[in-house]
Amino acid sequence: MGKLANDRPPASLELPATADGKWPTHAVPGLTVRKAMEIPAMTGARLLAGEKGLGRVVQRANIMEVPDILPWVKPHELLLTTGYPLRNTPQGLPELVTELDARGLAALGVKLHRYLDALPDEMVAEADRLGMPLLLLPDAVGFDDILNQVLTGVLNRQAAVLERSWEVHHALLSVVLEGGGLTELATKTSAVLGVAVFVTTADGRVLAEGGNADDLGAWRHTPSFDTSGRFRTEYEPGGVHQHADVPGCHAVVPIVAGRVDHGRIVAFARHRALDDADVNVLERAATVAALAVNKQLAVTAVEGKYRGDFLRDVLAGRAGDRARVVAHCESLGWDVDRPVVVVVAELDPETGPAQVTGLQLRPVQERFSVAWHSVVTRRDSAAAVVGFTQEVVALVPVPDGQEVDAVVHELVRQVAGDGGGGRRSFSSGVSRLVDDPERLPVAYEQARRAVDVGRQMNGSGSVAHFDSLGSFRLLSQIEDRQELRGFVRETLHGLAAEDDPEMEDLRHTLKVLLDTNLNVAEAARQLHFHYNTLRYRITKLERILGPFTTDPELRLDLALALKVLQMRGLS
């Protein structure tokens, strides 16, 4: 990608070059003060103060004819005066410079020797402190010549900027019209601006990038991105930004179509400042990106339904024999003839008020599906990922030598990110490893069971493997919750009270005793109790529960009751 950013693109998509044949970086929507001093009418003008402000932009010019000029001053204005309105109050000139600078004046040009013989030293010092250029104009030049030539230069420059803006827009639009997508658009935008460019979803997941590969990697490790690679959209509003802990500067522009927030386009620059002209290019690119996103959504909607219907048939065992399943999956770009686990991910019930913004977001299930698809296929492009109405199903390959839990937890970490950007909590279930496509229906049921039981065991955001569920698999299949609650009360008696701290403490003691197979010495060590203290507690527990130390059937019932209490969603 670094080479594409420097090479000339194909002729059909060629961007308009500047007069010197170089790629454009940014355009100035007016004349700088330095350039304005080079026009013929300003020949002989001398800079008295404010050298550091010579880069200020001049977009208009005016003449100071009245003392109360301040209400009429506009930003980026070159103000000319003979000093006539101020001839009787020269002591007020330093304060005038301060007020003019506060109103965004570009520069002040003064003619002397007619009404003012000299400018006060305090005025010159104040202009120098503020960086507002203070110009001494030649006596022979007419203000009308300066006005005419400055305004002509400004209009010519602005016309050129508008023309180049249209040319850039046309070049970017051609990317999509000729079959390119977000990656090609990001690369082209990077070539225009000469900086790294990212295209992200509304919550900051990177969809495409353009620019030098080393630069792109370096920016991903700045605080603007979280550890999962998500751009922190919640901290980055639109416009140009500079952060103390992020090198250079960056500009952010939302990608919006039909009041729907589709994402962000972000430009990072290390060695130059980004300005309004760069933002204008990004806005053009964002408009084209919205077109590309809508185009991709239309294609995905059709392809997604077809892929989803077929995978649903595979997981239901209705897709045909093994050979047909493998062949059809290959036609869809999926490789299922290898060791995989089925991962089922479901959004957790939403808690708390929903975020209120001025824009609509794409449906949450659709965004959730896109997130899983981008993360899984970035790791393995031949992996099958499909979003259903209430869940996302992924057939995740597990290469030899890798642990299933490590692979799945890394995928979950990347999808979840740091939880910012409006991301919703979700729970995931993982099947056993299967190496035969004909066993995918069984693996799918295992993953579905794991996500349900995992959420009951551990609450929202759980990741549960089917093999880790143990007896919870059986308990979760009991649909009569009232029967489970009755079993807990009848077995644990007073220990079933969940709002009693003393009973909760005794339940914990009971669990440790059962987990250590009634090894009193080991249980006392884990509980940090004296041996005799634990013996006293055992006596107390047997008065409440019965002789569990000598009755194995009672111990089994107590262990099951404690597991039922551990399950969520019984109340």
Protein backbone atom coordinates (compact mmCIF):
# COMPACT_ATOMS: atom_id res chain seq x y z
CA MET A 1 0.00 0.00 0.00
CA GLY A 2 2.94 2.29 0.59
CA LYS A 3 3.82 2.05 -3.11
CA LEU A 4 0.30 2.85 -4.24
CA ALA A 5 0.35 6.05 -2.23
CA ASN A 6 3.31 7.36 -4.24
CA ASP A 7 2.77 5.89 -7.71
CA ARG A 8 0.47 7.38 -10.30
CA PRO A 9 -2.83 5.48 -10.53
CA PRO A 10 -4.25 3.99 -13.74
CA ALA A 11 -5.31 6.51 -16.36
CA SER A 12 -9.03 5.92 -15.89
CA LEU A 13 -8.77 6.84 -12.23
CA GLU A 14 -5.96 9.36 -12.49
CA LEU A 15 -6.18 12.25 -10.09
CA PRO A 16 -5.61 15.74 -11.45
CA ALA A 17 -2.02 16.77 -10.84
CA THR A 18 -0.92 20.28 -9.85
CA ALA A 19 0.99 22.52 -12.23
CA ASP A 20 4.35 21.16 -11.09
CA GLY A 21 3.19 17.58 -11.71
CA LYS A 22 3.16 16.62 -8.04
CA TRP A 23 0.30 15.14 -6.09
CA PRO A 24 -1.71 17.84 -4.29
CA THR A 25 -1.44 18.06 -0.55
CA HIS A 26 -3.88 20.77 0.48
CA ALA A 27 -5.32 23.98 -0.94
CA VAL A 28 -5.53 27.36 0.78
CA PRO A 29 -9.00 28.97 0.41
CA GLY A 30 -7.50 32.44 -0.01
CA LEU A 31 -4.18 34.31 -0.13
CA THR A 32 -1.76 34.17 2.77
CA VAL A 33 -0.54 37.54 4.03
CA ARG A 34 2.90 36.63 2.68
CA LYS A 35 1.44 36.07 -0.81
CA ALA A 36 -0.67 39.23 -0.58
CA MET A 37 2.51 41.27 -0.01
CA GLU A 38 3.83 39.99 -3.35
CA ILE A 39 1.08 41.52 -5.52
CA PRO A 40 2.17 44.53 -7.62
CA ALA A 41 0.09 47.04 -5.66
CA MET A 42 1.90 46.04 -2.44
CA THR A 43 5.39 46.52 -3.86
CA GLY A 44 7.41 48.41 -1.27
CA ALA A 45 5.17 47.40 1.65
CA ARG A 46 7.18 46.70 4.80
CA LEU A 47 6.39 44.37 7.70
CA LEU A 48 6.55 46.29 10.99
CA ALA A 49 5.41 43.48 13.33
CA GLY A 50 3.68 40.08 13.49
CA GLU A 51 6.06 38.04 11.34
CA LYS A 52 4.77 34.77 12.80
CA GLY A 53 1.33 35.58 11.38
CA LEU A 54 2.40 35.82 7.72
CA GLY A 55 0.66 32.49 7.10
CA ARG A 56 -2.73 33.95 8.01
CA VAL A 57 -5.27 33.68 5.22
CA VAL A 58 -6.72 36.77 3.49
CA GLN A 59 -10.19 36.20 2.02
CA ARG A 60 -11.40 39.80 1.77
CA ALA A 61 -10.18 43.41 2.07
CA ASN A 62 -11.70 46.55 3.60
CA ILE A 63 -10.88 50.18 4.39
CA MET A 64 -11.11 51.68 7.86
CA GLU A 65 -12.99 54.97 7.59
CA VAL A 66 -14.71 55.28 10.98
CA PRO A 67 -13.42 54.98 14.57
CA ASP A 68 -15.97 52.30 15.50
CA ILE A 69 -14.71 49.82 12.87
CA LEU A 70 -14.89 46.77 15.14
CA PRO A 71 -18.55 45.83 14.44
CA TRP A 72 -17.75 45.75 10.71
CA VAL A 73 -14.59 43.64 10.84
CA LYS A 74 -14.84 40.11 9.46
CA PRO A 75 -12.46 37.16 9.91
CA HIS A 76 -9.62 36.74 7.37
CA GLU A 77 -9.84 40.40 6.36
CA LEU A 78 -7.02 42.72 5.25
CA LEU A 79 -7.85 46.10 6.77
CA LEU A 80 -6.34 49.25 5.23
CA THR A 81 -6.20 52.66 6.91
CA THR A 82 -4.52 56.07 6.72
CA GLY A 83 -5.09 56.54 10.42
CA TYR A 84 -7.62 59.33 9.86
CA PRO A 85 -10.29 57.90 12.19
CA LEU A 86 -7.68 57.50 14.92
CA ARG A 87 -5.67 60.69 14.54
CA ASN A 88 -7.03 62.17 17.75
CA THR A 89 -6.69 59.02 19.89
CA PRO A 90 -3.38 57.32 18.99
CA GLN A 91 -3.12 56.04 22.57
CA GLY A 92 -5.95 53.61 21.79
CA LEU A 93 -4.11 51.83 18.98
CA PRO A 94 -2.65 48.97 21.10
CA GLU A 95 -6.14 48.07 22.36
CA LEU A 96 -7.46 48.30 18.79
CA VAL A 97 -4.88 45.71 17.65
CA THR A 98 -6.00 43.36 20.43
CA GLU A 99 -9.67 43.71 19.47
CA LEU A 100 -8.95 43.27 15.76
CA ASP A 101 -6.96 40.11 16.43
CA ALA A 102 -9.78 38.73 18.57
CA ARG A 103 -12.11 39.15 15.59
CA GLY A 104 -9.83 37.11 13.33
CA LEU A 105 -8.34 39.96 11.28
CA ALA A 106 -5.69 38.69 8.88
CA ALA A 107 -3.51 41.84 8.78
CA LEU A 108 -3.58 45.62 9.24
CA GLY A 109 -2.03 47.89 6.58
CA VAL A 110 -1.26 51.51 7.54
CA LYS A 111 -0.19 54.61 5.56
CA LEU A 112 1.74 57.16 7.61
CA HIS A 113 2.65 60.84 7.34
CA ARG A 114 -0.81 62.06 6.44
CA TYR A 115 -2.74 61.76 9.71
CA LEU A 116 -0.30 59.70 11.79
CA ASP A 117 3.45 60.37 11.78
CA ALA A 118 4.34 57.12 13.57
CA LEU A 119 2.76 54.13 15.21
CA PRO A 120 3.11 53.84 18.99
CA ASP A 121 5.74 51.37 20.17
CA GLU A 122 3.07 49.73 22.33
CA MET A 123 0.96 49.04 19.22
CA VAL A 124 3.91 47.47 17.38
CA ALA A 125 4.79 45.35 20.43
CA GLU A 126 1.19 44.16 20.84
CA ALA A 127 0.93 43.19 17.15
CA ASP A 128 4.20 41.28 17.44
CA ARG A 129 3.01 39.50 20.58
CA LEU A 130 -0.23 38.42 18.94
CA GLY A 131 1.38 37.47 15.64
CA MET A 132 -0.92 39.82 13.72
CA PRO A 133 0.95 41.24 10.69
CA LEU A 134 1.25 45.05 10.81
CA LEU A 135 2.17 46.42 7.37
CA LEU A 136 3.56 49.84 6.46
CA LEU A 137 2.11 50.68 3.03
CA PRO A 138 3.91 52.79 0.35
CA ASP A 139 2.68 56.37 0.12
CA ALA A 140 2.20 56.26 -3.65
CA VAL A 141 -0.09 53.25 -3.83
CA GLY A 142 -3.86 53.65 -3.95
CA PHE A 143 -6.15 51.66 -1.72
CA ASP A 144 -8.37 50.86 -4.71
CA ASP A 145 -5.43 49.13 -6.47
CA ILE A 146 -4.74 47.04 -3.37
CA LEU A 147 -8.41 46.13 -2.97
CA ASN A 148 -8.76 45.21 -6.62
CA GLN A 149 -5.63 43.07 -6.82
CA VAL A 150 -6.16 41.33 -3.44
CA LEU A 151 -9.77 40.46 -4.23
CA THR A 152 -8.80 39.27 -7.71
CA GLY A 153 -6.14 37.02 -6.24
CA VAL A 154 -8.55 35.67 -3.63
CA LEU A 155 -11.25 34.95 -6.19
CA ASN A 156 -8.79 33.25 -8.52
CA ARG A 157 -7.49 31.11 -5.69
CA GLN A 158 -10.98 30.17 -4.51
CA ALA A 159 -12.05 29.35 -8.07
CA ALA A 160 -9.03 27.08 -8.39
CA VAL A 161 -9.88 25.41 -5.09
CA LEU A 162 -13.45 24.79 -6.21
CA GLU A 163 -12.27 23.40 -9.52
CA ARG A 164 -9.77 21.07 -7.84
CA SER A 165 -12.40 20.07 -5.28
CA TRP A 166 -14.68 18.94 -8.08
CA GLU A 167 -11.82 17.15 -9.84
CA VAL A 168 -10.93 15.31 -6.61
CA HIS A 169 -14.58 14.41 -6.05
CA HIS A 170 -14.86 13.08 -9.60
CA ALA A 171 -11.66 11.05 -9.20
CA LEU A 172 -12.89 9.54 -5.91
CA LEU A 173 -16.32 8.85 -7.34
CA SER A 174 -14.73 7.04 -10.27
CA VAL A 175 -13.25 4.55 -7.82
CA VAL A 176 -16.72 3.29 -6.87
CA LEU A 177 -18.25 3.67 -10.32
CA GLU A 178 -15.51 1.50 -11.80
CA GLY A 179 -16.03 -1.29 -9.28
CA GLY A 180 -13.73 -0.27 -6.41
CA GLY A 181 -14.69 -0.51 -2.78
CA LEU A 182 -13.70 1.08 0.52
CA THR A 183 -10.12 -0.17 0.35
CA GLU A 184 -9.55 1.43 -3.07
CA LEU A 185 -11.25 4.62 -1.87
CA ALA A 186 -9.04 4.79 1.23
CA THR A 187 -5.95 4.25 -0.89
CA LYS A 188 -6.99 6.97 -3.33
CA THR A 189 -7.81 9.44 -0.56
CA SER A 190 -4.44 8.73 1.01
CA ALA A 191 -2.77 9.49 -2.33
CA VAL A 192 -4.61 12.82 -2.55
CA LEU A 193 -3.69 13.96 0.95
CA GLY A 194 -0.35 12.22 1.33
CA VAL A 195 -1.32 10.88 4.78
CA ALA A 196 -2.62 7.65 6.35
CA VAL A 197 -6.39 7.15 5.95
CA PHE A 198 -8.77 4.78 7.77
CA VAL A 199 -12.42 3.99 7.06
CA THR A 200 -14.29 2.66 10.11
CA THR A 201 -17.75 1.61 11.20
CA ALA A 202 -19.83 3.85 13.45
CA ASP A 203 -18.33 2.18 16.52
CA GLY A 204 -14.78 2.46 15.19
CA ARG A 205 -14.04 -0.94 13.67
CA VAL A 206 -11.57 -0.48 10.79
CA LEU A 207 -13.09 -1.54 7.46
CA ALA A 208 -10.38 -0.25 5.11
CA GLU A 209 -7.12 1.66 5.19
CA GLY A 210 -4.80 3.41 2.78
CA GLY A 211 -1.24 4.70 2.95
CA ASN A 212 2.16 3.43 3.95
CA ALA A 213 1.88 0.12 5.83
CA ASP A 214 4.38 1.17 8.51
CA ASP A 215 2.53 4.43 9.14
CA LEU A 216 -0.81 2.63 9.35
CA GLY A 217 0.59 0.18 11.89
CA ALA A 218 2.14 2.98 13.94
CA TRP A 219 -1.11 4.95 14.14
CA ARG A 220 -2.98 1.83 15.30
CA HIS A 221 -0.77 1.79 18.39
CA THR A 222 -1.63 5.34 19.46
CA PRO A 223 -4.28 6.10 22.13
CA SER A 224 -6.74 6.96 19.35
CA PHE A 225 -7.21 3.18 18.99
CA ASP A 226 -7.97 0.65 21.72
CA THR A 227 -6.01 -2.58 22.12
CA SER A 228 -8.38 -4.48 19.83
CA GLY A 229 -7.68 -2.02 16.98
CA ARG A 230 -10.94 -0.08 17.33
CA PHE A 231 -10.84 3.66 16.60
CA ARG A 232 -12.30 5.39 19.67
CA THR A 233 -15.15 7.19 17.93
CA GLU A 234 -16.77 8.18 21.24
CA TYR A 235 -13.78 10.45 22.00
CA GLU A 236 -13.23 11.74 18.45
CA PRO A 237 -15.87 14.20 17.14
CA GLY A 238 -15.75 15.53 13.62
CA GLY A 239 -13.06 18.02 12.62
CA VAL A 240 -9.30 18.38 13.08
CA HIS A 241 -7.82 17.23 16.40
CA GLN A 242 -4.51 17.26 18.21
CA HIS A 243 -3.98 15.25 21.40
CA ALA A 244 -1.03 15.51 23.72
CA ASP A 245 -0.47 11.75 23.65
CA VAL A 246 -1.02 11.32 19.89
CA PRO A 247 1.71 12.53 17.49
CA GLY A 248 0.85 14.98 14.70
CA CYS A 249 -2.80 15.68 14.06
CA HIS A 250 -5.78 13.89 12.59
CA ALA A 251 -9.11 14.78 11.02
CA VAL A 252 -12.40 12.92 11.41
CA VAL A 253 -15.43 13.11 9.10
CA PRO A 254 -18.63 11.07 9.58
CA ILE A 255 -19.97 8.87 6.78
CA VAL A 256 -23.69 9.60 6.67
CA ALA A 257 -26.41 8.63 4.20
CA GLY A 258 -30.12 9.20 4.72
CA ARG A 259 -29.60 10.20 8.38
CA VAL A 260 -27.94 6.85 9.01
CA ASP A 261 -24.48 6.86 10.59
CA HIS A 262 -22.39 4.40 8.57
CA GLY A 263 -18.99 5.19 10.08
CA ARG A 264 -16.01 7.53 9.96
CA ILE A 265 -13.21 8.41 7.57
CA VAL A 266 -10.07 9.45 9.44
CA ALA A 267 -6.82 10.98 8.19
CA PHE A 268 -3.62 10.95 10.29
CA ALA A 269 -0.72 13.30 9.50
CA ARG A 270 2.57 13.26 11.36
CA HIS A 271 4.65 15.88 9.54
CA ARG A 272 2.15 18.58 8.58
CA ALA A 273 -0.98 20.21 9.90
CA LEU A 274 -4.36 19.28 8.48
CA ASP A 275 -6.63 22.18 7.55
CA ASP A 276 -10.09 22.95 6.21
CA ALA A 277 -9.04 21.95 2.69
CA ASP A 278 -8.07 18.48 3.94
CA VAL A 279 -11.40 18.20 5.72
CA ASN A 280 -13.11 19.18 2.48
CA VAL A 281 -11.36 16.31 0.66
CA LEU A 282 -12.38 13.94 3.47
CA GLU A 283 -15.98 15.15 3.20
CA ARG A 284 -15.90 14.36 -0.52
CA ALA A 285 -14.45 10.97 0.26
CA ALA A 286 -17.11 10.39 2.95
CA THR A 287 -19.86 11.09 0.42
CA VAL A 288 -18.36 8.53 -1.95
CA ALA A 289 -17.82 6.10 0.95
CA ALA A 290 -21.52 6.35 1.81
CA LEU A 291 -22.28 5.36 -1.78
CA ALA A 292 -19.86 2.42 -1.53
CA VAL A 293 -21.34 1.31 1.81
CA ASN A 294 -24.91 1.42 0.50
CA LYS A 295 -23.83 -0.48 -2.60
CA GLN A 296 -22.13 -3.13 -0.46
CA LEU A 297 -25.17 -3.34 1.85
CA ALA A 298 -27.44 -4.03 -1.12
CA VAL A 299 -25.12 -6.78 -2.39
CA THR A 300 -24.64 -8.22 1.10
CA ALA A 301 -28.38 -8.33 1.74
CA VAL A 302 -28.90 -10.62 -1.27
CA GLU A 303 -25.77 -12.72 -0.78
CA GLY A 304 -26.28 -12.85 2.98
CA LYS A 305 -29.77 -14.29 2.67
CA TYR A 306 -28.57 -16.96 0.25
CA ARG A 307 -25.56 -17.85 2.42
CA GLY A 308 -27.65 -17.78 5.56
CA ASP A 309 -30.31 -20.08 4.14
CA PHE A 310 -27.68 -22.60 3.06
CA LEU A 311 -25.78 -22.56 6.36
CA ARG A 312 -29.07 -22.94 8.23
CA ASP A 313 -29.76 -26.06 6.14
CA VAL A 314 -26.25 -27.36 6.90
CA LEU A 315 -26.71 -26.85 10.65
CA ALA A 316 -30.13 -28.51 10.50
CA GLY A 317 -28.76 -31.49 8.56
CA ARG A 318 -30.89 -30.72 5.47
CA ALA A 319 -28.15 -29.68 3.02
CA GLY A 320 -27.41 -33.09 1.54
CA ASP A 321 -24.54 -35.49 1.84
CA ARG A 322 -20.98 -34.62 2.84
CA ALA A 323 -19.65 -34.18 -0.69
CA ARG A 324 -22.44 -31.80 -1.66
CA VAL A 325 -22.01 -29.71 1.49
CA VAL A 326 -18.25 -29.37 1.01
CA ALA A 327 -18.56 -28.51 -2.70
CA HIS A 328 -21.30 -25.94 -2.18
CA CYS A 329 -19.40 -24.31 0.68
CA GLU A 330 -16.34 -24.03 -1.57
CA SER A 331 -18.47 -22.20 -4.15
CA LEU A 332 -19.34 -19.70 -1.39
CA GLY A 333 -15.70 -19.26 -0.44
CA TRP A 334 -15.96 -21.38 2.72
CA ASP A 335 -13.68 -24.22 3.73
CA VAL A 336 -15.56 -26.55 6.10
CA ASP A 337 -13.57 -29.71 5.39
CA ARG A 338 -11.12 -29.17 8.25
CA PRO A 339 -11.20 -29.10 12.08
CA VAL A 340 -13.55 -26.32 13.22
CA VAL A 341 -15.58 -25.31 16.24
CA VAL A 342 -19.03 -23.76 15.96
CA VAL A 343 -19.30 -20.47 17.82
CA VAL A 344 -22.74 -19.01 18.54
CA ALA A 345 -22.82 -15.39 19.74
CA GLU A 346 -25.94 -13.65 21.03
CA LEU A 347 -26.44 -10.06 22.16
CA ASP A 348 -27.25 -9.79 25.84
CA PRO A 349 -30.47 -8.07 26.93
CA GLU A 350 -29.90 -4.31 26.89
CA THR A 351 -29.72 -2.59 30.27
CA GLY A 352 -29.85 1.14 30.91
CA PRO A 353 -31.09 3.92 28.61
CA ALA A 354 -30.15 3.75 24.95
CA GLN A 355 -27.71 6.31 23.62
CA VAL A 356 -29.39 9.32 22.03
CA THR A 357 -27.70 10.83 18.98
CA GLY A 358 -28.79 13.00 16.10
CA LEU A 359 -28.29 10.13 13.65
CA GLN A 360 -29.73 6.67 13.31
CA LEU A 361 -27.54 3.59 13.49
CA ARG A 362 -27.91 0.48 11.39
CA PRO A 363 -29.88 -2.25 13.22
CA VAL A 364 -27.86 -3.57 16.14
CA GLN A 365 -28.03 -7.21 15.00
CA GLU A 366 -26.74 -6.21 11.56
CA ARG A 367 -23.82 -4.30 13.11
CA PHE A 368 -23.10 -7.23 15.41
CA SER A 369 -23.01 -9.60 12.44
CA VAL A 370 -20.69 -7.28 10.49
CA ALA A 371 -18.36 -7.11 13.49
CA TRP A 372 -18.03 -10.86 13.75
CA HIS A 373 -17.64 -11.25 10.00
CA SER A 374 -14.84 -8.67 9.79
CA VAL A 375 -12.93 -10.10 12.75
CA VAL A 376 -13.21 -13.77 11.80
CA THR A 377 -12.55 -13.35 8.07
CA ARG A 378 -9.57 -11.11 8.78
CA ARG A 379 -8.07 -14.09 10.61
CA ASP A 380 -9.19 -16.65 7.99
CA SER A 381 -10.90 -15.52 4.78
CA ALA A 382 -12.34 -19.02 4.17
CA ALA A 383 -14.21 -19.16 7.50
CA ALA A 384 -18.02 -19.22 7.36
CA VAL A 385 -19.75 -16.43 9.32
CA VAL A 386 -23.48 -15.75 9.03
CA GLY A 387 -25.83 -13.53 11.01
CA PHE A 388 -29.27 -14.94 11.80
CA THR A 389 -32.20 -13.10 13.36
CA GLN A 390 -31.11 -13.56 16.98
CA GLU A 391 -27.54 -14.87 16.74
CA VAL A 392 -24.31 -14.95 14.77
CA VAL A 393 -22.87 -18.35 13.85
CA ALA A 394 -19.20 -18.77 12.93
CA LEU A 395 -17.38 -21.95 11.89
CA VAL A 396 -13.96 -21.11 13.33
CA PRO A 397 -10.97 -23.18 12.14
CA VAL A 398 -8.51 -24.28 14.80
CA PRO A 399 -5.05 -25.00 13.35
CA ASP A 400 -2.91 -27.78 14.77
CA GLY A 401 -1.06 -26.73 17.89
CA GLN A 402 -3.54 -24.02 18.90
CA GLU A 403 -5.94 -24.20 21.83
CA VAL A 404 -9.64 -23.78 21.07
CA ASP A 405 -10.18 -21.49 24.08
CA ALA A 406 -7.28 -19.23 23.10
CA VAL A 407 -8.55 -18.85 19.52
CA VAL A 408 -12.15 -18.11 20.54
CA HIS A 409 -11.26 -15.73 23.38
CA GLU A 410 -9.07 -13.69 21.04
CA LEU A 411 -11.92 -13.38 18.53
CA VAL A 412 -14.33 -12.36 21.30
CA ARG A 413 -11.82 -9.79 22.58
CA GLN A 414 -11.53 -8.20 19.16
CA VAL A 415 -15.28 -8.09 18.58
CA ALA A 416 -15.95 -6.65 22.05
CA GLY A 417 -13.08 -4.14 22.04
CA ASP A 418 -13.10 -1.97 25.14
CA GLY A 419 -16.89 -1.69 25.08
CA GLY A 420 -16.85 1.89 23.74
CA GLY A 421 -18.50 3.34 20.69
CA GLY A 422 -21.94 2.03 21.68
CA ARG A 423 -20.94 -1.65 21.57
CA ARG A 424 -23.39 -4.06 23.18
CA SER A 425 -22.44 -6.85 25.56
CA PHE A 426 -22.80 -10.36 24.12
CA SER A 427 -22.42 -13.96 25.23
CA SER A 428 -20.77 -16.75 23.25
CA GLY A 429 -21.02 -20.54 23.21
CA VAL A 430 -18.41 -22.90 21.78
CA SER A 431 -18.91 -26.47 20.56
CA ARG A 432 -16.53 -29.37 20.67
CA LEU A 433 -13.97 -29.59 17.87
CA VAL A 434 -15.36 -31.41 14.82
CA ASP A 435 -13.47 -32.61 11.75
CA ASP A 436 -16.41 -33.85 9.70
CA PRO A 437 -19.01 -31.51 8.10
CA GLU A 438 -21.69 -34.12 8.83
CA ARG A 439 -21.21 -33.45 12.55
CA LEU A 440 -21.85 -29.71 12.24
CA PRO A 441 -25.55 -30.01 13.27
CA VAL A 442 -24.51 -31.66 16.56
CA ALA A 443 -21.80 -29.03 17.11
CA TYR A 444 -24.31 -26.23 16.45
CA GLU A 445 -26.66 -27.58 19.13
CA GLN A 446 -23.72 -27.82 21.53
CA ALA A 447 -22.79 -24.18 20.93
CA ARG A 448 -26.40 -23.03 21.36
CA ARG A 449 -26.66 -24.93 24.62
CA ALA A 450 -23.34 -23.47 25.77
CA VAL A 451 -24.37 -19.86 25.16
CA ASP A 452 -27.66 -20.34 27.04
CA VAL A 453 -26.14 -22.12 30.02
CA GLY A 454 -23.08 -19.87 30.09
CA ARG A 455 -25.26 -16.79 30.42
CA GLN A 456 -27.24 -18.45 33.24
CA MET A 457 -24.04 -19.45 35.04
CA ASN A 458 -21.98 -16.31 34.62
CA GLY A 459 -24.33 -13.58 33.45
CA SER A 460 -23.89 -11.26 30.49
CA GLY A 461 -20.67 -11.34 28.48
CA SER A 462 -19.90 -14.99 29.22
CA VAL A 463 -17.87 -17.28 26.97
CA ALA A 464 -18.77 -20.92 27.63
CA HIS A 465 -17.36 -24.09 26.09
CA PHE A 466 -19.76 -27.02 25.86
CA ASP A 467 -17.30 -29.38 27.57
CA SER A 468 -17.01 -27.04 30.56
CA LEU A 469 -20.73 -27.06 31.37
CA GLY A 470 -20.79 -30.41 33.19
CA SER A 471 -24.01 -31.02 35.09
CA PHE A 472 -25.23 -27.53 34.15
CA ARG A 473 -26.08 -29.00 30.74
CA LEU A 474 -28.65 -31.28 32.38
CA LEU A 475 -30.00 -28.65 34.78
CA SER A 476 -30.48 -26.13 31.97
CA GLN A 477 -32.83 -28.50 30.16
CA ILE A 478 -35.32 -28.46 33.04
CA GLU A 479 -37.89 -25.94 31.85
CA ASP A 480 -39.91 -25.90 35.09
CA ARG A 481 -38.11 -23.18 37.02
CA GLN A 482 -40.55 -23.47 39.89
CA GLU A 483 -39.54 -27.10 40.34
CA LEU A 484 -35.87 -26.09 40.49
CA ARG A 485 -36.57 -23.41 43.08
CA GLY A 486 -38.55 -25.95 45.15
CA PHE A 487 -35.67 -28.43 44.96
CA VAL A 488 -33.25 -25.77 46.27
CA ARG A 489 -35.51 -24.83 49.20
CA GLU A 490 -36.18 -28.46 50.16
CA THR A 491 -32.51 -29.44 49.99
CA LEU A 492 -30.74 -26.41 51.47
CA HIS A 493 -33.46 -25.39 53.93
CA GLY A 494 -32.33 -22.16 55.66
CA LEU A 495 -29.18 -21.97 53.51
CA ALA A 496 -31.39 -21.19 50.48
CA ALA A 497 -31.89 -17.61 51.71
CA GLU A 498 -29.86 -15.49 49.27
CA ASP A 499 -30.31 -12.21 51.15
CA ASP A 500 -28.85 -13.47 54.46
CA PRO A 501 -25.06 -12.84 54.81
CA GLU A 502 -24.69 -15.58 57.47
CA MET A 503 -26.38 -18.17 55.27
CA GLU A 504 -24.31 -17.08 52.29
CA ASP A 505 -21.15 -17.59 54.38
CA LEU A 506 -22.28 -21.06 55.41
CA ARG A 507 -23.11 -21.95 51.79
CA HIS A 508 -19.56 -21.02 50.84
CA THR A 509 -18.20 -23.24 53.62
CA LEU A 510 -20.40 -26.10 52.39
CA LYS A 511 -19.21 -25.66 48.80
CA VAL A 512 -15.53 -25.77 49.80
CA LEU A 513 -16.15 -28.91 51.89
CA LEU A 514 -17.86 -30.63 48.96
CA ASP A 515 -15.16 -29.47 46.51
CA THR A 516 -12.43 -30.94 48.77
CA ASN A 517 -14.33 -34.23 49.21
CA LEU A 518 -14.83 -33.50 52.94
CA ASN A 519 -11.09 -33.13 53.57
CA VAL A 520 -11.42 -30.99 56.72
CA ALA A 521 -7.75 -30.03 56.91
CA GLU A 522 -7.62 -28.88 53.25
CA ALA A 523 -10.97 -27.06 53.52
CA ALA A 524 -9.77 -25.24 56.66
CA ARG A 525 -6.63 -24.18 54.80
CA GLN A 526 -8.62 -22.81 51.83
CA LEU A 527 -11.10 -21.04 54.10
CA HIS A 528 -8.34 -19.71 56.40
CA PHE A 529 -10.13 -21.23 59.41
CA HIS A 530 -8.72 -23.04 62.43
CA TYR A 531 -9.37 -26.77 62.21
CA ASN A 532 -11.63 -26.69 65.30
CA THR A 533 -13.56 -23.70 63.93
CA LEU A 534 -14.38 -25.65 60.78
CA ARG A 535 -15.41 -28.71 62.85
CA TYR A 536 -17.85 -26.44 64.71
CA ARG A 537 -19.25 -25.15 61.39
CA ILE A 538 -19.71 -28.70 60.09
CA THR A 539 -21.78 -29.50 63.17
CA LYS A 540 -23.88 -26.40 62.55
CA LEU A 541 -24.37 -27.31 58.85
CA GLU A 542 -25.48 -30.86 59.76
CA ARG A 543 -28.09 -29.48 62.16
CA ILE A 544 -29.55 -27.48 59.22
CA LEU A 545 -29.04 -29.94 56.35
CA GLY A 546 -28.73 -33.40 57.84
CA PRO A 547 -25.80 -35.86 58.06
CA PHE A 548 -24.15 -34.97 54.74
CA THR A 549 -20.71 -36.11 55.99
CA THR A 550 -21.95 -39.72 56.09
CA ASP A 551 -24.73 -39.68 53.45
CA PRO A 552 -23.37 -39.63 49.84
CA GLU A 553 -26.87 -39.21 48.34
CA LEU A 554 -27.42 -36.09 50.44
CA ARG A 555 -24.04 -34.74 49.36
CA LEU A 556 -25.06 -35.21 45.72
CA ASP A 557 -28.35 -33.35 46.31
CA LEU A 558 -26.54 -30.53 48.10
CA ALA A 559 -24.00 -30.19 45.26
CA LEU A 560 -26.80 -30.03 42.68
CA ALA A 561 -28.74 -27.46 44.75
CA LEU A 562 -25.66 -25.24 44.96
CA LYS A 563 -25.25 -25.49 41.18
CA VAL A 564 -28.89 -24.53 40.66
CA LEU A 565 -28.35 -21.47 42.85
CA GLN A 566 -25.32 -20.58 40.72
CA MET A 567 -27.51 -20.50 37.62
CA ARG A 568 -29.01 -17.14 36.64
CA GLY A 569 -32.54 -16.38 35.60
CA LEU A 570 -34.35 -18.57 38.14
CA SER A 571 -36.09 -15.71 39.93
